[in-house]
Amino acid sequence: MEVAPQEKPPVCRIMDYGKFKYQQKKRQHKGHTHHSRNKELRLRPKIGDHDLITKVNRAKEFLGQKDKVIFSVIFRGRENAHVDEGYKLVERLTKELEPVAKLEQSPQMHGRRIVVIFAPK
């Protein structure tokens, strides 16, 4: 097989052609693309500040790996009367994640939870 035809004299090598084709195909598949996955983080409306920061940092990790992040604010019992607290929490999340993420789906109420989706920038 001719390796470098432009050289003088041309460089040739004896090799297994089937193995060569296999390695060429393998090199082509090496640069695969990342398949985006959805990662969900669940919150409660009365989450502590430090716990929220931990969740935000975890979300930044996921976004750095090119995954989408779904935040669910779950309400139980009497918390359902204070849905506005959940929306305030989502606003705070949006401000925290603004440098690394864009809002893909705005906050929506699904049953007893507020769902918001962030995608990496």
Protein backbone atom coordinates (compact mmCIF):
# COMPACT_ATOMS: atom_id res chain seq x y z
CA MET A 1 0.00 0.00 0.00
CA GLU A 2 1.31 3.43 -0.91
CA VAL A 3 1.51 5.60 2.24
CA ALA A 4 3.04 8.87 0.98
CA PRO A 5 2.81 9.21 -2.80
CA GLN A 6 4.07 12.83 -2.84
CA GLU A 7 7.50 11.88 -1.39
CA LYS A 8 10.53 11.08 -3.54
CA PRO A 9 10.82 8.11 -3.71
CA PRO A 10 7.16 7.24 -2.82
CA VAL A 11 6.79 5.48 0.55
CA CYS A 12 5.05 2.09 0.51
CA ARG A 13 4.13 -0.37 3.23
CA ILE A 14 3.00 -3.99 3.18
CA MET A 15 -0.18 -4.25 5.22
CA ASP A 16 -3.49 -6.03 5.58
CA TYR A 17 -5.99 -3.98 3.57
CA GLY A 18 -9.03 -5.24 5.56
CA LYS A 19 -7.39 -4.17 8.83
CA PHE A 20 -6.54 -0.78 7.30
CA LYS A 21 -10.17 -0.20 6.23
CA TYR A 22 -11.38 -1.25 9.69
CA GLN A 23 -9.06 1.27 11.39
CA GLN A 24 -10.16 4.02 8.99
CA LYS A 25 -13.80 3.33 9.85
CA LYS A 26 -12.99 3.26 13.56
CA ARG A 27 -11.26 6.68 13.34
CA GLN A 28 -14.30 8.11 11.59
CA HIS A 29 -16.62 7.07 14.42
CA LYS A 30 -14.30 8.39 17.12
CA GLY A 31 -15.66 11.96 16.92
CA HIS A 32 -19.18 11.09 18.02
CA THR A 33 -21.63 13.76 19.14
CA HIS A 34 -23.14 14.02 22.60
CA HIS A 35 -26.73 12.83 22.90
CA SER A 36 -28.56 15.29 25.09
CA ARG A 37 -30.36 13.78 28.06
CA ASN A 38 -32.87 15.26 30.47
CA LYS A 39 -31.80 15.46 34.11
CA GLU A 40 -34.48 16.25 36.68
CA LEU A 41 -33.94 18.04 39.97
CA ARG A 42 -36.82 18.17 42.43
CA LEU A 43 -37.33 21.00 44.88
CA ARG A 44 -39.79 21.94 47.59
CA PRO A 45 -41.01 25.53 48.06
CA LYS A 46 -39.41 25.87 51.52
CA ILE A 47 -35.95 24.67 50.48
CA GLY A 48 -33.02 26.08 52.47
CA ASP A 49 -30.54 28.50 50.90
CA HIS A 50 -27.58 26.12 51.06
CA ASP A 51 -29.64 23.24 49.66
CA LEU A 52 -30.74 25.43 46.77
CA ILE A 53 -27.13 26.42 46.03
CA THR A 54 -26.20 22.73 45.99
CA LYS A 55 -28.98 21.97 43.50
CA VAL A 56 -27.94 24.92 41.31
CA ASN A 57 -24.31 23.74 41.28
CA ARG A 58 -25.49 20.24 40.32
CA ALA A 59 -27.54 21.74 37.50
CA LYS A 60 -24.49 23.70 36.30
CA GLU A 61 -22.57 20.42 36.13
CA PHE A 62 -25.30 18.83 34.01
CA LEU A 63 -25.46 21.87 31.74
CA GLY A 64 -21.69 21.77 31.37
CA GLN A 65 -22.06 18.21 30.08
CA LYS A 66 -24.58 19.49 27.49
CA ASP A 67 -27.61 17.92 29.20
CA LYS A 68 -30.96 19.61 29.67
CA VAL A 69 -32.13 20.21 33.25
CA ILE A 70 -35.74 19.97 34.39
CA PHE A 71 -36.55 21.63 37.71
CA SER A 72 -39.73 20.45 39.44
CA VAL A 73 -41.05 22.38 42.43
CA ILE A 74 -43.35 19.92 44.20
CA PHE A 75 -46.16 21.05 46.50
CA ARG A 76 -47.70 18.90 49.23
CA GLY A 77 -50.63 19.52 51.52
CA ARG A 78 -51.04 23.13 52.58
CA GLU A 79 -48.15 24.22 50.37
CA ASN A 80 -50.65 24.19 47.47
CA ALA A 81 -52.13 27.42 48.85
CA HIS A 82 -48.78 29.20 48.32
CA VAL A 83 -47.93 28.53 44.68
CA ASP A 84 -46.49 32.05 44.45
CA GLU A 85 -43.57 30.90 46.65
CA GLY A 86 -42.77 28.27 44.02
CA TYR A 87 -42.76 30.85 41.23
CA LYS A 88 -40.41 33.06 43.28
CA LEU A 89 -38.09 30.06 43.65
CA VAL A 90 -38.14 29.49 39.89
CA GLU A 91 -37.29 33.16 39.27
CA ARG A 92 -34.33 32.81 41.61
CA LEU A 93 -33.20 29.68 39.75
CA THR A 94 -33.44 31.53 36.44
CA LYS A 95 -31.22 34.35 37.75
CA GLU A 96 -28.66 31.88 39.12
CA LEU A 97 -28.45 29.84 35.89
CA GLU A 98 -28.63 32.75 33.43
CA PRO A 99 -24.88 32.76 32.56
CA VAL A 100 -24.77 29.06 31.63
CA ALA A 101 -28.30 28.20 30.53
CA LYS A 102 -31.21 29.47 28.52
CA LEU A 103 -34.83 28.98 29.47
CA GLU A 104 -36.24 26.38 27.09
CA GLN A 105 -39.69 26.02 28.64
CA SER A 106 -41.11 28.73 30.87
CA PRO A 107 -42.52 27.71 34.26
CA GLN A 108 -45.82 25.85 33.97
CA MET A 109 -48.06 24.27 36.56
CA HIS A 110 -48.59 20.52 36.01
CA GLY A 111 -50.89 19.21 38.71
CA ARG A 112 -49.10 19.73 42.02
CA ARG A 113 -45.77 20.75 40.55
CA ILE A 114 -44.21 23.67 38.69
CA VAL A 115 -41.97 22.47 35.86
CA VAL A 116 -39.29 24.56 34.15
CA ILE A 117 -36.69 23.34 31.61
CA PHE A 118 -33.22 24.80 31.06
CA ALA A 119 -30.96 24.03 28.09
CA PRO A 120 -27.23 24.71 27.83
CA LYS A 121 -26.14 27.87 25.99
